[in-house]
N, C-alpha and C. Protein backbone atom coordinates (compact mmCIF):
# COMPACT_ATOMS: atom_id res chain seq x y z
N MET A 1 77.13 93.16 -114.45
CA MET A 1 77.92 91.96 -114.17
C MET A 1 77.58 90.92 -115.27
N ASN A 2 78.58 90.27 -115.73
CA ASN A 2 78.51 89.22 -116.71
C ASN A 2 77.69 88.05 -116.12
N ASP A 3 76.82 87.43 -116.91
CA ASP A 3 76.00 86.31 -116.44
C ASP A 3 76.85 85.12 -116.03
N ARG A 4 77.92 84.82 -116.75
CA ARG A 4 78.77 83.70 -116.41
C ARG A 4 79.53 83.94 -115.11
N PHE A 5 79.97 85.17 -114.94
CA PHE A 5 80.64 85.52 -113.71
C PHE A 5 79.67 85.43 -112.51
N ALA A 6 78.46 85.92 -112.68
CA ALA A 6 77.45 85.83 -111.59
C ALA A 6 77.17 84.39 -111.26
N HIS A 7 77.09 83.53 -112.27
CA HIS A 7 76.83 82.09 -112.05
C HIS A 7 77.97 81.47 -111.24
N LEU A 8 79.22 81.76 -111.62
CA LEU A 8 80.37 81.22 -110.89
C LEU A 8 80.43 81.76 -109.48
N LEU A 9 80.12 83.00 -109.31
CA LEU A 9 80.12 83.62 -107.96
C LEU A 9 79.04 82.96 -107.08
N ARG A 10 77.86 82.68 -107.66
CA ARG A 10 76.79 82.05 -106.91
C ARG A 10 77.19 80.60 -106.51
N LYS A 11 77.77 79.89 -107.46
CA LYS A 11 78.22 78.51 -107.15
C LYS A 11 79.30 78.49 -106.11
N SER A 12 80.22 79.47 -106.18
CA SER A 12 81.29 79.55 -105.18
C SER A 12 80.75 79.86 -103.82
N ARG A 13 79.80 80.76 -103.73
CA ARG A 13 79.19 81.10 -102.44
C ARG A 13 78.45 79.91 -101.86
N ASP A 14 77.73 79.19 -102.74
CA ASP A 14 77.00 77.99 -102.25
C ASP A 14 77.97 76.98 -101.69
N ALA A 15 79.07 76.76 -102.40
CA ALA A 15 80.05 75.78 -101.91
C ALA A 15 80.76 76.24 -100.66
N LYS A 16 81.03 77.54 -100.55
CA LYS A 16 81.69 78.05 -99.36
C LYS A 16 80.77 77.89 -98.16
N GLN A 17 79.50 78.12 -98.32
CA GLN A 17 78.55 77.99 -97.21
C GLN A 17 78.15 76.53 -96.93
N GLY A 18 77.96 75.77 -98.00
CA GLY A 18 77.51 74.39 -97.83
C GLY A 18 78.59 73.35 -97.77
N GLY A 19 79.81 73.77 -98.03
CA GLY A 19 80.94 72.83 -97.96
C GLY A 19 80.97 71.81 -99.10
N HIS A 20 81.60 70.72 -98.86
CA HIS A 20 81.81 69.70 -99.85
C HIS A 20 80.50 69.17 -100.42
N GLU A 21 79.49 69.07 -99.60
CA GLU A 21 78.19 68.54 -100.07
C GLU A 21 77.59 69.43 -101.13
N ALA A 22 77.67 70.73 -100.98
CA ALA A 22 77.14 71.66 -101.97
C ALA A 22 78.00 71.66 -103.22
N TRP A 23 79.30 71.47 -103.06
CA TRP A 23 80.20 71.42 -104.18
C TRP A 23 80.01 70.15 -104.99
N ALA A 24 79.72 69.04 -104.34
CA ALA A 24 79.67 67.72 -104.96
C ALA A 24 78.57 67.60 -106.03
N VAL A 25 77.51 68.41 -105.91
CA VAL A 25 76.40 68.31 -106.85
C VAL A 25 76.60 69.15 -108.10
N GLN A 26 77.71 69.87 -108.19
CA GLN A 26 77.97 70.72 -109.35
C GLN A 26 78.56 69.90 -110.50
N SER A 27 78.48 70.47 -111.70
CA SER A 27 79.07 69.81 -112.85
C SER A 27 80.61 69.80 -112.68
N THR A 28 81.27 68.98 -113.49
CA THR A 28 82.72 68.90 -113.39
C THR A 28 83.37 70.25 -113.65
N GLY A 29 82.95 70.95 -114.66
CA GLY A 29 83.50 72.27 -114.95
C GLY A 29 83.31 73.25 -113.81
N GLU A 30 82.10 73.23 -113.22
CA GLU A 30 81.82 74.09 -112.09
C GLU A 30 82.69 73.72 -110.91
N LYS A 31 82.85 72.45 -110.67
CA LYS A 31 83.68 71.99 -109.55
C LYS A 31 85.13 72.50 -109.67
N VAL A 32 85.70 72.39 -110.86
CA VAL A 32 87.04 72.88 -111.11
C VAL A 32 87.15 74.37 -110.85
N ALA A 33 86.23 75.12 -111.45
CA ALA A 33 86.25 76.58 -111.30
C ALA A 33 86.06 76.99 -109.85
N VAL A 34 85.10 76.39 -109.16
CA VAL A 34 84.84 76.73 -107.78
C VAL A 34 86.00 76.35 -106.87
N ALA A 35 86.59 75.21 -107.10
CA ALA A 35 87.74 74.80 -106.30
C ALA A 35 88.89 75.75 -106.45
N LEU A 36 89.10 76.24 -107.67
CA LEU A 36 90.16 77.25 -107.92
C LEU A 36 89.83 78.55 -107.25
N VAL A 37 88.59 78.99 -107.36
CA VAL A 37 88.19 80.28 -106.74
C VAL A 37 88.35 80.20 -105.21
N LEU A 38 87.98 79.08 -104.63
CA LEU A 38 88.06 78.93 -103.17
C LEU A 38 89.41 78.40 -102.69
N ASN A 39 90.35 78.21 -103.64
CA ASN A 39 91.68 77.71 -103.29
C ASN A 39 91.61 76.38 -102.52
N ARG A 40 90.84 75.44 -103.04
CA ARG A 40 90.65 74.15 -102.42
C ARG A 40 91.29 73.05 -103.26
N ALA A 41 92.59 72.91 -103.10
CA ALA A 41 93.35 71.90 -103.84
C ALA A 41 92.85 70.49 -103.47
N ASP A 42 92.36 70.31 -102.23
CA ASP A 42 91.86 68.99 -101.82
C ASP A 42 90.61 68.62 -102.63
N TRP A 43 89.80 69.60 -102.99
CA TRP A 43 88.63 69.30 -103.77
C TRP A 43 89.05 68.94 -105.21
N LEU A 44 90.05 69.63 -105.76
CA LEU A 44 90.54 69.30 -107.08
C LEU A 44 91.10 67.87 -107.09
N ALA A 45 91.85 67.52 -106.04
CA ALA A 45 92.38 66.16 -105.95
C ALA A 45 91.26 65.11 -105.88
N ALA A 46 90.17 65.48 -105.27
CA ALA A 46 89.05 64.53 -105.10
C ALA A 46 88.43 64.16 -106.46
N ILE A 47 88.50 65.07 -107.45
CA ILE A 47 87.89 64.77 -108.74
C ILE A 47 88.93 64.25 -109.73
N GLY A 48 90.18 64.22 -109.29
CA GLY A 48 91.24 63.66 -110.12
C GLY A 48 91.63 64.62 -111.21
């Protein structure tokens, strides 16, 4: 498994389990990628 893919998968799982609070501490790039992976348009809207 690619290291970048594993990192994105880990961040996505953290956000899925921890919700918005776990997602909020990620970098902007991570937030965008995770919101897309989890199909969370509301999270994308939150970061503008």
